[in-house]
Amino acid sequence: MHSEKSGGLQVIKEDKRVRIITGHYGSGKTEFAVNYVIRLREMVEGQVAIADLDVVNPYFRTREKKELLEAKGIQVIDSSINGRCVDVPALSPAIVAPLRNSTYNYVVDLGGDHVGSRAFARFVGDLDKTDYDLFFVINANREETTTPEGVLEHIGKIEYTTGIKVTGLINNTHLVRETTVEDVLKGQELAKEVSKALNIPIRYISCMEHIAKELPEGLEGEVLPIDMIMREEWM
């Protein structure tokens, strides 16, 4: 069985300085990104920031947890318009500074699919191509990413739109609070096929802690137990 949350996750420090998180709508990428940046903050010194570049989906966005994250010492960069109830696709110029400043550990939460990834395309010129990871989040229970072909199509479109390559996969297969070990293992098989096709690693397996404890040993990727931060208890 896998260990508690603190075990084995020093690997987060080994990811490239700029970590860009993308995936299909409903994959759980924002939940992963928020949990990831909190863990990152616990592990590294210096400045940690997360950018919310989701200008497509008005729900479950990083900016909704801005106060929580800032209380933990994480800088949150979102809209250039200061208004929690205003849904306008306006990006802050502050997004650029952590891309250029090597003292930052930076997480970028992109919008879903290639449509959402357009928001980052304008900033690619500011990105050090040797110092980034682009992680694609897979949820095998989403209609358009149930097959390797579906996942590969989404990855191809995102790479074309952003002009950068996906460097790793995240198996985040879930059915929210109804998720089972079998769901995660189903997603793992899908991620393995995509990993083989693209010759990129499965970097993380993301799931609730009670499920993480029941996963078999020897799975490719680091198990990242997550809390349900983006969803309220009643959701």
C-alpha atoms as a PDB file:
ATOM      1  CA  MET A   1       0.000   0.000   0.000  1.00  0.00           C
ATOM      2  CA  HIS A   2       1.076   3.592  -0.563  1.00  0.00           C
ATOM      3  CA  SER A   3       2.145   5.799   2.315  1.00  0.00           C
ATOM      4  CA  GLU A   4       0.644   8.933   3.810  1.00  0.00           C
ATOM      5  CA  LYS A   5       0.633  12.287   2.032  1.00  0.00           C
ATOM      6  CA  SER A   6       4.120  13.297   3.087  1.00  0.00           C
ATOM      7  CA  GLY A   7       5.756  10.236   1.603  1.00  0.00           C
ATOM      8  CA  GLY A   8       7.628  10.269  -1.680  1.00  0.00           C
ATOM      9  CA  LEU A   9       6.497  13.667  -2.956  1.00  0.00           C
ATOM     10  CA  GLN A  10       9.847  15.427  -2.885  1.00  0.00           C
ATOM     11  CA  VAL A  11       9.639  14.656  -6.613  1.00  0.00           C
ATOM     12  CA  ILE A  12       7.570  17.857  -6.941  1.00  0.00           C
ATOM     13  CA  LYS A  13      10.807  19.792  -6.403  1.00  0.00           C
ATOM     14  CA  GLU A  14      12.299  18.002  -9.410  1.00  0.00           C
ATOM     15  CA  ASP A  15       9.712  19.327 -11.850  1.00  0.00           C
ATOM     16  CA  LYS A  16      10.787  22.246 -14.012  1.00  0.00           C
ATOM     17  CA  ARG A  17      10.410  25.710 -12.518  1.00  0.00           C
ATOM     18  CA  VAL A  18       7.338  26.629 -14.597  1.00  0.00           C
ATOM     19  CA  ARG A  19       4.654  23.945 -14.326  1.00  0.00           C
ATOM     20  CA  ILE A  20       1.761  24.394 -16.759  1.00  0.00           C
ATOM     21  CA  ILE A  21      -1.356  22.296 -16.105  1.00  0.00           C
ATOM     22  CA  THR A  22      -3.826  21.593 -18.894  1.00  0.00           C
ATOM     23  CA  GLY A  23      -6.417  19.000 -19.839  1.00  0.00           C
ATOM     24  CA  HIS A  24      -9.919  18.349 -21.125  1.00  0.00           C
ATOM     25  CA  TYR A  25     -12.851  20.194 -19.540  1.00  0.00           C
ATOM     26  CA  GLY A  26     -13.898  18.436 -16.347  1.00  0.00           C
ATOM     27  CA  SER A  27     -10.642  16.530 -15.984  1.00  0.00           C
ATOM     28  CA  GLY A  28     -10.017  18.021 -12.540  1.00  0.00           C
ATOM     29  CA  LYS A  29      -6.969  19.994 -13.614  1.00  0.00           C
ATOM     30  CA  THR A  30      -7.729  22.965 -11.343  1.00  0.00           C
ATOM     31  CA  GLU A  31      -8.211  20.710  -8.320  1.00  0.00           C
ATOM     32  CA  PHE A  32      -4.867  19.125  -9.125  1.00  0.00           C
ATOM     33  CA  ALA A  33      -3.178  22.495  -9.716  1.00  0.00           C
ATOM     34  CA  VAL A  34      -4.382  23.944  -6.396  1.00  0.00           C
ATOM     35  CA  ASN A  35      -3.346  20.866  -4.422  1.00  0.00           C
ATOM     36  CA  TYR A  36      -0.032  20.780  -6.260  1.00  0.00           C
ATOM     37  CA  VAL A  37       0.858  24.424  -5.589  1.00  0.00           C
ATOM     38  CA  ILE A  38       0.025  24.025  -1.886  1.00  0.00           C
ATOM     39  CA  ARG A  39       2.357  21.036  -1.669  1.00  0.00           C
ATOM     40  CA  LEU A  40       4.995  22.931  -3.644  1.00  0.00           C
ATOM     41  CA  ARG A  41       4.788  25.854  -1.206  1.00  0.00           C
ATOM     42  CA  GLU A  42       5.482  23.437   1.665  1.00  0.00           C
ATOM     43  CA  MET A  43       8.597  22.105  -0.038  1.00  0.00           C
ATOM     44  CA  VAL A  44      10.478  25.064  -1.500  1.00  0.00           C
ATOM     45  CA  GLU A  45      11.918  28.343  -0.299  1.00  0.00           C
ATOM     46  CA  GLY A  46      11.389  31.625  -2.060  1.00  0.00           C
ATOM     47  CA  GLN A  47       8.459  32.866  -4.087  1.00  0.00           C
ATOM     48  CA  VAL A  48       5.644  30.579  -5.241  1.00  0.00           C
ATOM     49  CA  ALA A  49       2.892  31.783  -7.568  1.00  0.00           C
ATOM     50  CA  ILE A  50      -0.069  30.321  -9.416  1.00  0.00           C
ATOM     51  CA  ALA A  51      -1.698  31.936 -12.451  1.00  0.00           C
ATOM     52  CA  ASP A  52      -5.349  31.341 -13.277  1.00  0.00           C
ATOM     53  CA  LEU A  53      -5.516  31.455 -17.069  1.00  0.00           C
ATOM     54  CA  ASP A  54      -8.916  29.824 -17.323  1.00  0.00           C
ATOM     55  CA  VAL A  55     -10.914  32.453 -19.229  1.00  0.00           C
ATOM     56  CA  VAL A  56     -13.333  29.921 -20.755  1.00  0.00           C
ATOM     57  CA  ASN A  57     -14.985  28.060 -17.878  1.00  0.00           C
ATOM     58  CA  PRO A  58     -16.648  30.274 -15.215  1.00  0.00           C
ATOM     59  CA  TYR A  59     -16.739  27.444 -12.642  1.00  0.00           C
ATOM     60  CA  PHE A  60     -14.116  25.837 -10.369  1.00  0.00           C
ATOM     61  CA  ARG A  61     -11.355  28.312 -11.071  1.00  0.00           C
ATOM     62  CA  THR A  62      -8.220  28.900  -9.027  1.00  0.00           C
ATOM     63  CA  ARG A  63      -9.196  32.507  -8.323  1.00  0.00           C
ATOM     64  CA  GLU A  64     -12.119  31.245  -6.211  1.00  0.00           C
ATOM     65  CA  LYS A  65      -9.572  30.093  -3.607  1.00  0.00           C
ATOM     66  CA  LYS A  66      -7.409  33.192  -3.748  1.00  0.00           C
ATOM     67  CA  GLU A  67      -7.736  34.037  -0.050  1.00  0.00           C
ATOM     68  CA  LEU A  68      -6.918  30.473   1.007  1.00  0.00           C
ATOM     69  CA  LEU A  69      -3.848  30.334  -1.212  1.00  0.00           C
ATOM     70  CA  GLU A  70      -2.564  33.770  -0.284  1.00  0.00           C
ATOM     71  CA  ALA A  71      -2.896  32.859   3.394  1.00  0.00           C
ATOM     72  CA  LYS A  72      -0.454  30.034   2.693  1.00  0.00           C
ATOM     73  CA  GLY A  73       2.062  32.412   1.099  1.00  0.00           C
ATOM     74  CA  ILE A  74       1.161  31.702  -2.522  1.00  0.00           C
ATOM     75  CA  GLN A  75       0.790  34.611  -4.936  1.00  0.00           C
ATOM     76  CA  VAL A  76      -2.366  34.267  -7.051  1.00  0.00           C
ATOM     77  CA  ILE A  77      -2.465  35.977 -10.443  1.00  0.00           C
ATOM     78  CA  ASP A  78      -5.821  36.092 -12.176  1.00  0.00           C
ATOM     79  CA  SER A  79      -7.916  38.700 -13.978  1.00  0.00           C
ATOM     80  CA  SER A  80      -6.744  42.243 -14.613  1.00  0.00           C
ATOM     81  CA  ILE A  81     -10.195  43.311 -13.406  1.00  0.00           C
ATOM     82  CA  ASN A  82     -10.631  43.267  -9.650  1.00  0.00           C
ATOM     83  CA  GLY A  83     -14.050  41.746  -9.110  1.00  0.00           C
ATOM     84  CA  ARG A  84     -14.925  38.275  -7.899  1.00  0.00           C
ATOM     85  CA  CYS A  85     -18.401  38.448  -9.468  1.00  0.00           C
ATOM     86  CA  VAL A  86     -17.253  39.786 -12.816  1.00  0.00           C
ATOM     87  CA  ASP A  87     -16.639  37.142 -15.467  1.00  0.00           C
ATOM     88  CA  VAL A  88     -14.528  38.876 -18.104  1.00  0.00           C
ATOM     89  CA  PRO A  89     -11.704  37.201 -20.097  1.00  0.00           C
ATOM     90  CA  ALA A  90      -9.139  39.811 -19.035  1.00  0.00           C
ATOM     91  CA  LEU A  91      -5.620  38.619 -18.233  1.00  0.00           C
ATOM     92  CA  SER A  92      -3.263  40.438 -15.928  1.00  0.00           C
ATOM     93  CA  PRO A  93       0.147  41.568 -17.223  1.00  0.00           C
ATOM     94  CA  ALA A  94       1.482  40.224 -13.901  1.00  0.00           C
ATOM     95  CA  ILE A  95       1.414  36.765 -15.516  1.00  0.00           C
ATOM     96  CA  VAL A  96       4.688  37.537 -17.280  1.00  0.00           C
ATOM     97  CA  ALA A  97       6.879  38.435 -14.290  1.00  0.00           C
ATOM     98  CA  PRO A  98       7.194  34.915 -12.785  1.00  0.00           C
ATOM     99  CA  LEU A  99       7.883  33.501 -16.260  1.00  0.00           C
ATOM    100  CA  ARG A 100      10.907  35.755 -16.568  1.00  0.00           C
ATOM    101  CA  ASN A 101      11.997  35.739 -12.914  1.00  0.00           C
ATOM    102  CA  SER A 102      13.944  32.575 -12.150  1.00  0.00           C
ATOM    103  CA  THR A 103      13.482  33.029  -8.385  1.00  0.00           C
ATOM    104  CA  TYR A 104       9.812  32.014  -8.702  1.00  0.00           C
ATOM    105  CA  ASN A 105       8.374  28.528  -8.619  1.00  0.00           C
ATOM    106  CA  TYR A 106       5.379  28.979 -10.904  1.00  0.00           C
ATOM    107  CA  VAL A 107       2.218  26.963 -11.604  1.00  0.00           C
ATOM    108  CA  VAL A 108      -0.041  27.931 -14.508  1.00  0.00           C
ATOM    109  CA  ASP A 109      -3.621  26.631 -14.561  1.00  0.00           C
ATOM    110  CA  LEU A 110      -4.764  26.750 -18.181  1.00  0.00           C
ATOM    111  CA  GLY A 111      -8.331  26.649 -19.430  1.00  0.00           C
ATOM    112  CA  GLY A 112      -9.639  23.371 -20.789  1.00  0.00           C
ATOM    113  CA  ASP A 113      -8.770  22.040 -24.240  1.00  0.00           C
ATOM    114  CA  HIS A 114      -7.086  23.963 -27.054  1.00  0.00           C
ATOM    115  CA  VAL A 115      -9.619  26.784 -26.771  1.00  0.00           C
ATOM    116  CA  GLY A 116      -8.549  27.509 -23.210  1.00  0.00           C
ATOM    117  CA  SER A 117      -4.878  27.084 -24.032  1.00  0.00           C
ATOM    118  CA  ARG A 118      -4.990  30.039 -26.414  1.00  0.00           C
ATOM    119  CA  ALA A 119      -4.696  32.261 -23.371  1.00  0.00           C
ATOM    120  CA  PHE A 120      -1.116  31.093 -22.853  1.00  0.00           C
ATOM    121  CA  ALA A 121       0.007  31.295 -26.489  1.00  0.00           C
ATOM    122  CA  ARG A 122       0.705  35.032 -26.187  1.00  0.00           C
ATOM    123  CA  PHE A 123       3.106  34.405 -23.296  1.00  0.00           C
ATOM    124  CA  VAL A 124       5.157  31.603 -24.862  1.00  0.00           C
ATOM    125  CA  GLY A 125       7.784  34.085 -26.019  1.00  0.00           C
ATOM    126  CA  ASP A 126       8.504  34.842 -22.359  1.00  0.00           C
ATOM    127  CA  LEU A 127       8.935  31.164 -21.467  1.00  0.00           C
ATOM    128  CA  ASP A 128      12.365  29.585 -21.088  1.00  0.00           C
ATOM    129  CA  LYS A 129      11.907  26.469 -23.247  1.00  0.00           C
ATOM    130  CA  THR A 130      14.439  24.570 -21.119  1.00  0.00           C
ATOM    131  CA  ASP A 131      12.708  25.281 -17.821  1.00  0.00           C
ATOM    132  CA  TYR A 132       9.055  24.288 -18.127  1.00  0.00           C
ATOM    133  CA  ASP A 133       6.809  21.254 -17.796  1.00  0.00           C
ATOM    134  CA  LEU A 134       3.444  21.043 -19.537  1.00  0.00           C
ATOM    135  CA  PHE A 135       1.369  18.399 -17.777  1.00  0.00           C
ATOM    136  CA  PHE A 136      -1.794  17.020 -19.392  1.00  0.00           C
ATOM    137  CA  VAL A 137      -4.446  15.825 -16.929  1.00  0.00           C
ATOM    138  CA  ILE A 138      -6.327  12.683 -17.986  1.00  0.00           C
ATOM    139  CA  ASN A 139      -9.735  11.705 -16.659  1.00  0.00           C
ATOM    140  CA  ALA A 140     -10.720   8.477 -18.402  1.00  0.00           C
ATOM    141  CA  ASN A 141     -14.325   9.023 -17.279  1.00  0.00           C
ATOM    142  CA  ARG A 142     -14.750  12.095 -19.467  1.00  0.00           C
ATOM    143  CA  GLU A 143     -16.550  11.361 -22.730  1.00  0.00           C
ATOM    144  CA  GLU A 144     -13.891  12.720 -25.089  1.00  0.00           C
ATOM    145  CA  THR A 145     -10.907  11.199 -23.273  1.00  0.00           C
ATOM    146  CA  THR A 146     -11.995   7.600 -22.744  1.00  0.00           C
ATOM    147  CA  THR A 147      -9.649   6.302 -25.461  1.00  0.00           C
ATOM    148  CA  PRO A 148      -5.989   6.876 -26.354  1.00  0.00           C
ATOM    149  CA  GLU A 149      -7.126   8.395 -29.643  1.00  0.00           C
ATOM    150  CA  GLY A 150      -9.271  10.948 -27.836  1.00  0.00           C
ATOM    151  CA  VAL A 151      -6.489  11.947 -25.453  1.00  0.00           C
ATOM    152  CA  LEU A 152      -3.947  12.180 -28.268  1.00  0.00           C
ATOM    153  CA  GLU A 153      -6.267  14.396 -30.275  1.00  0.00           C
ATOM    154  CA  HIS A 154      -6.664  16.816 -27.361  1.00  0.00           C
ATOM    155  CA  ILE A 155      -2.919  16.851 -26.688  1.00  0.00           C
ATOM    156  CA  GLY A 156      -2.168  17.487 -30.355  1.00  0.00           C
ATOM    157  CA  LYS A 157      -4.504  20.466 -30.494  1.00  0.00           C
ATOM    158  CA  ILE A 158      -3.117  21.966 -27.299  1.00  0.00           C
ATOM    159  CA  GLU A 159       0.470  21.583 -28.496  1.00  0.00           C
ATOM    160  CA  TYR A 160      -0.416  23.190 -31.830  1.00  0.00           C
ATOM    161  CA  THR A 161      -2.176  26.101 -30.122  1.00  0.00           C
ATOM    162  CA  THR A 162       0.498  26.816 -27.506  1.00  0.00           C
ATOM    163  CA  GLY A 163       3.544  25.968 -29.595  1.00  0.00           C
ATOM    164  CA  ILE A 164       5.046  23.857 -26.798  1.00  0.00           C
ATOM    165  CA  LYS A 165       5.084  20.129 -26.101  1.00  0.00           C
ATOM    166  CA  VAL A 166       3.399  18.167 -23.330  1.00  0.00           C
ATOM    167  CA  THR A 167       6.170  16.738 -21.142  1.00  0.00           C
ATOM    168  CA  GLY A 168       4.191  14.544 -18.747  1.00  0.00           C
ATOM    169  CA  LEU A 169       0.816  13.006 -17.957  1.00  0.00           C
ATOM    170  CA  ILE A 170      -1.336  13.128 -14.826  1.00  0.00           C
ATOM    171  CA  ASN A 171      -3.811  10.322 -14.229  1.00  0.00           C
ATOM    172  CA  ASN A 172      -6.654  12.078 -12.439  1.00  0.00           C
ATOM    173  CA  THR A 173      -9.443   9.665 -13.346  1.00  0.00           C
ATOM    174  CA  HIS A 174     -12.350  10.280 -11.027  1.00  0.00           C
ATOM    175  CA  LEU A 175     -16.075  10.432 -10.458  1.00  0.00           C
ATOM    176  CA  VAL A 176     -15.739  13.096  -7.749  1.00  0.00           C
ATOM    177  CA  ARG A 177     -16.720  11.500  -4.401  1.00  0.00           C
ATOM    178  CA  GLU A 178     -17.885   8.286  -6.072  1.00  0.00           C
ATOM    179  CA  THR A 179     -14.392   7.487  -7.342  1.00  0.00           C
ATOM    180  CA  THR A 180     -13.080   3.966  -6.766  1.00  0.00           C
ATOM    181  CA  VAL A 181      -9.679   2.316  -6.970  1.00  0.00           C
ATOM    182  CA  GLU A 182     -10.925   0.651 -10.161  1.00  0.00           C
ATOM    183  CA  ASP A 183     -11.530   4.077 -11.740  1.00  0.00           C
ATOM    184  CA  VAL A 184      -7.960   5.138 -11.021  1.00  0.00           C
ATOM    185  CA  LEU A 185      -6.535   1.893 -12.385  1.00  0.00           C
ATOM    186  CA  LYS A 186      -8.662   2.226 -15.524  1.00  0.00           C
ATOM    187  CA  GLY A 187      -7.200   5.687 -16.021  1.00  0.00           C
ATOM    188  CA  GLN A 188      -3.731   4.326 -15.429  1.00  0.00           C
ATOM    189  CA  GLU A 189      -4.096   1.862 -18.306  1.00  0.00           C
ATOM    190  CA  LEU A 190      -5.214   4.675 -20.583  1.00  0.00           C
ATOM    191  CA  ALA A 191      -2.357   6.900 -19.457  1.00  0.00           C
ATOM    192  CA  LYS A 192       0.125   4.080 -20.111  1.00  0.00           C
ATOM    193  CA  GLU A 193      -1.033   3.795 -23.728  1.00  0.00           C
ATOM    194  CA  VAL A 194      -0.726   7.542 -24.253  1.00  0.00           C
ATOM    195  CA  SER A 195       2.654   7.551 -22.522  1.00  0.00           C
ATOM    196  CA  LYS A 196       3.899   4.865 -24.885  1.00  0.00           C
ATOM    197  CA  ALA A 197       2.520   6.592 -27.965  1.00  0.00           C
ATOM    198  CA  LEU A 198       4.162   9.935 -27.151  1.00  0.00           C
ATOM    199  CA  ASN A 199       7.206   8.644 -25.258  1.00  0.00           C
ATOM    200  CA  ILE A 200       6.471  10.880 -22.266  1.00  0.00           C
ATOM    201  CA  PRO A 201       6.149   9.769 -18.635  1.00  0.00           C
ATOM    202  CA  ILE A 202       3.151   9.446 -16.365  1.00  0.00           C
ATOM    203  CA  ARG A 203       4.277  12.011 -13.832  1.00  0.00           C
ATOM    204  CA  TYR A 204       1.518  11.816 -11.204  1.00  0.00           C
ATOM    205  CA  ILE A 205      -1.462   9.732 -10.133  1.00  0.00           C
ATOM    206  CA  SER A 206      -3.877  12.086  -8.414  1.00  0.00           C
ATOM    207  CA  CYS A 207      -6.669  10.840  -6.141  1.00  0.00           C
ATOM    208  CA  MET A 208      -8.247  11.237  -2.717  1.00  0.00           C
ATOM    209  CA  GLU A 209      -6.080   9.986   0.130  1.00  0.00           C
ATOM    210  CA  HIS A 210      -8.306   7.044   1.114  1.00  0.00           C
ATOM    211  CA  ILE A 211      -7.996   5.751  -2.452  1.00  0.00           C
ATOM    212  CA  ALA A 212      -4.265   6.448  -2.626  1.00  0.00           C
ATOM    213  CA  LYS A 213      -3.762   4.153   0.365  1.00  0.00           C
ATOM    214  CA  GLU A 214      -5.384   1.282  -1.528  1.00  0.00           C
ATOM    215  CA  LEU A 215      -3.485   1.567  -4.804  1.00  0.00           C
ATOM    216  CA  PRO A 216      -1.080  -1.261  -5.629  1.00  0.00           C
ATOM    217  CA  GLU A 217       2.647  -0.657  -5.525  1.00  0.00           C
ATOM    218  CA  GLY A 218       4.675  -0.310  -8.696  1.00  0.00           C
ATOM    219  CA  LEU A 219       2.445   2.056 -10.669  1.00  0.00           C
ATOM    220  CA  GLU A 220       4.237   4.486 -12.949  1.00  0.00           C
ATOM    221  CA  GLY A 221       4.073   8.021 -11.599  1.00  0.00           C
ATOM    222  CA  GLU A 222       4.096   9.542  -8.136  1.00  0.00           C
ATOM    223  CA  VAL A 223       0.872   9.170  -6.166  1.00  0.00           C
ATOM    224  CA  LEU A 224      -0.347  12.623  -5.134  1.00  0.00           C
ATOM    225  CA  PRO A 225      -3.147  12.378  -2.561  1.00  0.00           C
ATOM    226  CA  ILE A 226      -5.406  15.410  -2.873  1.00  0.00           C
ATOM    227  CA  ASP A 227      -8.019  17.173  -0.780  1.00  0.00           C
ATOM    228  CA  MET A 228     -11.330  18.333  -2.256  1.00  0.00           C
ATOM    229  CA  ILE A 229     -10.542  22.041  -2.189  1.00  0.00           C
ATOM    230  CA  MET A 230     -12.479  23.344  -5.191  1.00  0.00           C
ATOM    231  CA  ARG A 231     -15.762  21.617  -4.317  1.00  0.00           C
ATOM    232  CA  GLU A 232     -17.796  22.405  -1.233  1.00  0.00           C
ATOM    233  CA  GLU A 233     -19.019  19.494   0.895  1.00  0.00           C
ATOM    234  CA  TRP A 234     -22.497  19.640  -0.623  1.00  0.00           C
ATOM    235  CA  MET A 235     -21.232  19.422  -4.232  1.00  0.00           C
END
